[in-house]
Amino acid sequence: MSPFEFPVSDGTPICDINSIIDENDENIQPLSLKTHYQLKVWQKFIDLVLKHNLHIPAFPIWAMEFGASYRYKDLAPAFQQRKDLRGRKGKLGWIINGPSKADCLAQLPIYAQTATDEVFPDWKIRYIEQNRTFYEENERWLKGWRRLIEDWDNSHQKLEWNCGGDDDGKIFTKIVQFRASGIRVKLPTYSPALNLVGTQIPIIPWVKLPKSKVKAYTKEELEEYGLTRKDVQFGRYLSTREAAMLQGMEVLDFNGLAPTRIYEALGNAVNTQVVEMIARSLIQRYCYGKD
């Protein structure tokens, strides 16, 4: 009997995240005004890229490198002297200045402060170089946009566009995930892996919220983030029921578990349909001797 082989699809699978989306589900978490705003700012970045007849970069956008000039190729900053850091430009192009080396390092992007290796790995050097080159070539129109993200968390200043450079560039129609590595944007033909961290639940920006879930923000609250009432009628996180359906569990009793525990359990699970396919193949082959 030949060795076991995993089942192979008999055609090109067609996936659509909308097949498991329930717009009437009220057991959901809408997006906060801050998240709406951050997506709007990144949309402005993409709009500017396309306006200037450029492809959306395939490499991860590390906006913290826009304007930076600290040394990074031959020796990691953590192994440099204070005099090598002072006077250069760190995160977002700000001048590095401080009474100690620790103070100077703190003014760099977090990933550049590490003391793990004397020399950065090749992939990190490449990403830093790509981002600096991109900024230098487009500083004229990127400088103003850069100011919009100055107060954001480091991970929110990074964007991973996984939709190809020729896409229409509309974040609103894509699946979004706020990850430690950055804000990841994917086509709705895929779902990001269900992460064990509750803050990284996939976002579906295009889904309209049930009226009962549309919060009555004041005009002042909306204006603070440059949003309209229409903006907050859309966009939420993947529900626990939808996450279960992604794992092939259409009927599931969560037994009163908190949402974070449910996402953790589902993120650590294996799709039941995949398990069934493999089990059937094993049974047919080793119990009935059928190849």
Protein backbone atom coordinates (compact mmCIF):
# COMPACT_ATOMS: atom_id res chain seq x y z
CA MET A 1 0.00 0.00 0.00
CA SER A 2 1.35 3.41 -0.97
CA PRO A 3 2.15 5.95 1.76
CA PHE A 4 -0.68 8.17 2.93
CA GLU A 5 -1.14 11.43 1.03
CA PHE A 6 -3.27 14.36 2.11
CA PRO A 7 -6.45 14.86 0.05
CA VAL A 8 -6.06 17.23 -2.90
CA SER A 9 -8.76 19.61 -4.07
CA ASP A 10 -10.36 18.65 -7.39
CA GLY A 11 -10.50 22.28 -8.50
CA THR A 12 -9.70 25.87 -7.59
CA PRO A 13 -11.59 26.69 -4.38
CA ILE A 14 -13.67 29.83 -4.47
CA CYS A 15 -13.86 31.47 -1.07
CA ASP A 16 -15.94 34.47 -0.02
CA ILE A 17 -15.98 35.67 3.56
CA ASN A 18 -19.50 37.02 2.97
CA SER A 19 -20.78 33.42 2.97
CA ILE A 20 -20.44 33.30 6.76
CA ILE A 21 -21.33 36.92 7.55
CA ASP A 22 -24.67 37.55 9.26
CA GLU A 23 -25.60 41.25 9.04
CA ASN A 24 -28.48 40.71 11.47
CA ASP A 25 -26.26 39.33 14.22
CA GLU A 26 -26.52 41.63 17.24
CA ASN A 27 -23.94 39.80 19.32
CA ILE A 28 -21.19 41.92 17.81
CA GLN A 29 -18.56 44.52 18.65
CA PRO A 30 -18.67 47.69 16.47
CA LEU A 31 -15.49 49.59 15.70
CA SER A 32 -14.46 52.42 17.99
CA LEU A 33 -14.16 55.96 16.68
CA LYS A 34 -10.38 55.71 17.05
CA THR A 35 -10.25 52.59 14.86
CA HIS A 36 -12.51 54.20 12.25
CA TYR A 37 -10.16 57.18 12.21
CA GLN A 38 -7.00 55.08 11.87
CA LEU A 39 -8.45 53.20 8.91
CA LYS A 40 -9.49 56.52 7.36
CA VAL A 41 -5.93 57.90 7.72
CA TRP A 42 -4.41 54.80 6.12
CA GLN A 43 -6.99 55.08 3.35
CA LYS A 44 -5.73 58.61 2.77
CA PHE A 45 -2.19 57.21 2.45
CA ILE A 46 -3.30 54.71 -0.20
CA ASP A 47 -5.30 57.39 -2.01
CA LEU A 48 -2.19 59.57 -2.15
CA VAL A 49 -0.11 56.67 -3.51
CA LEU A 50 -2.61 56.03 -6.31
CA LYS A 51 -3.07 59.75 -6.98
CA HIS A 52 0.64 59.95 -7.76
CA ASN A 53 0.41 56.99 -10.16
CA LEU A 54 2.32 54.58 -7.94
CA HIS A 55 1.65 50.97 -7.07
CA ILE A 56 0.67 50.26 -3.47
CA PRO A 57 3.95 48.98 -1.96
CA ALA A 58 4.24 45.22 -1.63
CA PHE A 59 6.66 45.55 1.28
CA PRO A 60 5.34 46.35 4.78
CA ILE A 61 4.95 50.09 5.29
CA TRP A 62 6.93 51.13 8.37
CA ALA A 63 6.00 54.80 8.57
CA MET A 64 8.30 55.28 11.57
CA GLU A 65 11.16 55.17 9.03
CA PHE A 66 9.79 58.16 7.11
CA GLY A 67 12.54 60.75 7.53
CA ALA A 68 14.79 58.59 9.74
CA SER A 69 18.57 58.60 9.26
CA TYR A 70 20.01 56.56 12.17
CA ARG A 71 22.61 53.95 11.16
CA TYR A 72 21.22 50.43 10.83
CA LYS A 73 23.12 48.39 8.22
CA ASP A 74 26.57 47.71 9.68
CA LEU A 75 25.75 47.77 13.40
CA ALA A 76 22.45 47.73 15.29
CA PRO A 77 21.82 51.01 17.19
CA ALA A 78 21.90 49.23 20.57
CA PHE A 79 25.60 48.47 19.96
CA GLN A 80 26.50 51.97 18.80
CA GLN A 81 27.85 54.78 20.96
CA ARG A 82 25.70 57.69 22.11
CA LYS A 83 27.69 60.03 19.85
CA ASP A 84 26.74 57.84 16.88
CA LEU A 85 23.05 58.33 17.62
CA ARG A 86 22.80 61.96 18.72
CA GLY A 87 22.02 64.44 15.95
CA ARG A 88 20.70 61.81 13.57
CA LYS A 89 17.00 61.38 12.89
CA GLY A 90 15.00 58.68 14.61
CA LYS A 91 11.33 57.74 14.58
CA LEU A 92 9.30 59.80 12.07
CA GLY A 93 12.34 61.95 11.32
CA TRP A 94 12.64 63.47 14.78
CA ILE A 95 16.15 64.58 15.83
CA ILE A 96 17.74 62.18 18.33
CA ASN A 97 18.95 63.97 21.44
CA GLY A 98 19.30 62.88 25.04
CA PRO A 99 21.64 62.84 28.04
CA SER A 100 22.17 59.07 27.85
CA LYS A 101 22.38 56.33 25.27
CA ALA A 102 19.14 54.83 26.64
CA ASP A 103 17.38 58.13 26.05
CA CYS A 104 18.64 58.19 22.47
CA LEU A 105 17.58 54.60 21.79
CA ALA A 106 14.10 55.35 23.12
CA GLN A 107 13.68 57.81 20.24
CA LEU A 108 14.01 55.05 17.64
CA PRO A 109 11.25 52.73 16.38
CA ILE A 110 10.77 49.87 18.87
CA TYR A 111 12.08 47.25 16.44
CA ALA A 112 15.33 49.25 16.10
CA GLN A 113 15.99 49.32 19.86
CA THR A 114 16.58 45.57 20.19
CA ALA A 115 19.92 44.31 21.49
CA THR A 116 19.44 40.72 20.33
CA ASP A 117 22.02 40.81 17.52
CA GLU A 118 24.84 43.21 16.68
CA VAL A 119 23.65 43.26 13.08
CA PHE A 120 19.99 43.34 12.07
CA PRO A 121 18.72 40.34 10.06
CA ASP A 122 18.62 40.83 6.30
CA TRP A 123 14.82 41.11 6.16
CA LYS A 124 14.79 43.98 8.67
CA ILE A 125 17.55 45.84 6.86
CA ARG A 126 15.64 45.40 3.61
CA TYR A 127 12.36 46.73 5.01
CA ILE A 128 14.04 49.76 6.59
CA GLU A 129 15.84 50.55 3.34
CA GLN A 130 12.68 50.15 1.24
CA ASN A 131 10.69 52.46 3.50
CA ARG A 132 13.38 55.15 3.62
CA THR A 133 13.76 55.07 -0.15
CA PHE A 134 10.00 55.28 -0.64
CA TYR A 135 9.82 58.31 1.65
CA GLU A 136 12.81 60.06 0.09
CA GLU A 137 11.27 59.67 -3.37
CA ASN A 138 7.86 60.93 -2.22
CA GLU A 139 8.65 63.26 0.69
CA ARG A 140 6.88 66.21 -0.92
CA TRP A 141 3.42 64.69 -0.48
CA LEU A 142 4.16 62.24 2.38
CA LYS A 143 5.44 64.84 4.83
CA GLY A 144 1.97 66.21 5.59
CA TRP A 145 0.42 62.74 5.91
CA ARG A 146 3.18 61.65 8.32
CA ARG A 147 2.01 64.21 10.89
CA LEU A 148 -1.37 62.48 11.15
CA ILE A 149 0.14 59.37 12.80
CA GLU A 150 2.66 60.95 15.17
CA ASP A 151 0.78 60.03 18.36
CA TRP A 152 -0.19 56.49 17.37
CA ASP A 153 1.07 53.24 18.86
CA ASN A 154 4.04 51.76 16.99
CA SER A 155 2.07 48.82 15.57
CA HIS A 156 -0.59 51.18 14.18
CA GLN A 157 2.09 53.08 12.26
CA LYS A 158 2.74 49.98 10.15
CA LEU A 159 0.64 48.69 7.27
CA GLU A 160 0.79 45.31 5.51
CA TRP A 161 -1.12 45.51 2.22
CA ASN A 162 -1.74 41.90 1.11
CA CYS A 163 -4.04 42.72 -1.82
CA GLY A 164 -1.59 43.29 -4.66
CA GLY A 165 -0.28 46.52 -6.13
CA ASP A 166 -2.98 46.77 -8.82
CA ASP A 167 -5.95 46.57 -6.45
CA ASP A 168 -8.51 49.39 -6.28
CA GLY A 169 -7.03 50.39 -2.93
CA LYS A 170 -10.27 50.49 -0.94
CA ILE A 171 -9.73 49.37 2.65
CA PHE A 172 -13.50 49.52 3.23
CA THR A 173 -14.00 46.39 1.08
CA LYS A 174 -11.18 44.35 2.65
CA ILE A 175 -10.64 42.28 5.79
CA VAL A 176 -8.48 44.14 8.30
CA GLN A 177 -6.58 42.88 11.30
CA PHE A 178 -4.74 44.98 13.89
CA ARG A 179 -1.68 42.87 14.69
CA ALA A 180 1.51 43.44 16.68
CA SER A 181 3.35 43.50 13.33
CA GLY A 182 1.05 46.17 11.92
CA ILE A 183 -2.38 46.70 10.40
CA ARG A 184 -2.85 43.87 7.91
CA VAL A 185 -5.26 44.24 4.98
CA LYS A 186 -6.40 41.21 2.95
CA LEU A 187 -8.88 40.46 0.19
CA PRO A 188 -12.29 39.15 1.35
CA THR A 189 -11.52 35.86 -0.38
CA TYR A 190 -9.50 34.89 2.69
CA SER A 191 -9.83 35.14 6.41
CA PRO A 192 -6.83 35.90 8.63
CA ALA A 193 -5.97 33.16 11.09
CA LEU A 194 -8.09 33.42 14.22
CA ASN A 195 -5.50 34.77 16.61
CA LEU A 196 -5.40 33.82 20.26
CA VAL A 197 -5.18 37.51 21.19
CA GLY A 198 -8.63 39.06 21.48
CA THR A 199 -7.43 42.45 20.23
CA GLN A 200 -6.50 40.93 16.86
CA ILE A 201 -9.97 39.76 15.83
CA PRO A 202 -10.54 40.26 12.07
CA ILE A 203 -12.43 43.43 11.12
CA ILE A 204 -15.09 43.53 8.39
CA PRO A 205 -15.43 47.25 7.58
CA TRP A 206 -18.11 46.98 4.89
CA VAL A 207 -20.79 45.28 6.98
CA LYS A 208 -23.70 47.49 7.97
CA LEU A 209 -24.59 47.38 11.65
CA PRO A 210 -28.04 46.54 12.98
CA LYS A 211 -29.75 49.77 14.10
CA SER A 212 -29.61 48.61 17.71
CA LYS A 213 -25.80 48.58 17.55
CA VAL A 214 -25.26 52.02 16.02
CA LYS A 215 -24.10 54.23 18.87
CA ALA A 216 -25.56 57.74 19.06
CA TYR A 217 -22.32 59.72 19.04
CA THR A 218 -22.54 63.45 19.51
CA LYS A 219 -21.60 65.81 16.70
CA GLU A 220 -18.52 66.86 18.68
CA GLU A 221 -17.36 63.26 19.15
CA LEU A 222 -17.61 62.57 15.43
CA GLU A 223 -15.94 65.83 14.42
CA GLU A 224 -12.97 65.07 16.71
CA TYR A 225 -12.14 62.14 14.43
CA GLY A 226 -13.35 63.68 11.19
CA LEU A 227 -16.19 61.16 10.88
CA THR A 228 -19.84 61.34 9.87
CA ARG A 229 -22.89 59.51 11.20
CA LYS A 230 -22.85 57.35 8.08
CA ASP A 231 -19.27 56.23 8.82
CA VAL A 232 -20.26 54.66 12.15
CA GLN A 233 -23.17 52.73 10.64
CA PHE A 234 -20.63 50.31 9.14
CA GLY A 235 -17.74 48.24 10.41
CA ARG A 236 -17.38 45.66 13.15
CA TYR A 237 -15.33 42.72 14.31
CA LEU A 238 -16.00 39.16 13.24
CA SER A 239 -18.58 37.73 15.65
CA THR A 240 -17.94 34.61 17.73
CA ARG A 241 -20.59 32.74 15.72
CA GLU A 242 -18.92 33.72 12.43
CA ALA A 243 -15.55 32.68 13.83
CA ALA A 244 -17.03 29.30 14.72
CA MET A 245 -18.39 28.90 11.19
CA LEU A 246 -14.90 29.54 9.82
CA GLN A 247 -13.84 26.47 11.77
CA GLY A 248 -16.73 24.43 10.34
CA MET A 249 -18.78 24.65 13.54
CA GLU A 250 -22.15 25.97 12.43
CA VAL A 251 -23.90 25.02 15.66
CA LEU A 252 -21.94 25.61 18.82
CA ASP A 253 -22.99 26.28 22.41
CA PHE A 254 -20.42 28.57 24.02
CA ASN A 255 -21.81 27.81 27.47
CA GLY A 256 -21.60 31.38 28.75
CA LEU A 257 -17.89 31.83 28.01
CA ALA A 258 -16.57 35.36 27.67
CA PRO A 259 -15.92 36.43 24.04
CA THR A 260 -12.15 36.57 24.57
CA ARG A 261 -12.14 32.95 25.77
CA ILE A 262 -14.26 31.91 22.79
CA TYR A 263 -11.89 33.53 20.30
CA GLU A 264 -8.94 31.91 22.07
CA ALA A 265 -10.55 28.48 21.85
CA LEU A 266 -11.49 28.87 18.19
CA GLY A 267 -8.08 30.28 17.33
CA ASN A 268 -6.48 27.19 18.82
CA ALA A 269 -8.86 24.81 17.04
CA VAL A 270 -8.64 23.00 13.71
CA ASN A 271 -11.33 23.31 11.05
CA THR A 272 -13.72 20.38 11.54
CA GLN A 273 -14.19 19.86 7.79
CA VAL A 274 -10.45 19.47 7.29
CA VAL A 275 -10.33 16.93 10.13
CA GLU A 276 -13.24 15.03 8.57
CA MET A 277 -11.59 14.88 5.13
CA ILE A 278 -8.35 13.54 6.57
CA ALA A 279 -10.16 11.05 8.82
CA ARG A 280 -12.21 9.70 5.90
CA SER A 281 -9.06 9.23 3.82
CA LEU A 282 -7.30 7.43 6.68
CA ILE A 283 -10.27 5.13 7.29
CA GLN A 284 -10.69 4.28 3.62
CA ARG A 285 -7.01 3.56 3.19
CA TYR A 286 -6.10 1.70 6.36
CA CYS A 287 -9.44 0.13 7.31
CA TYR A 288 -10.75 -0.76 3.88
CA GLY A 289 -7.52 -0.79 1.89
CA LYS A 290 -8.79 1.74 -0.66
CA ASP A 291 -6.36 4.14 -2.31
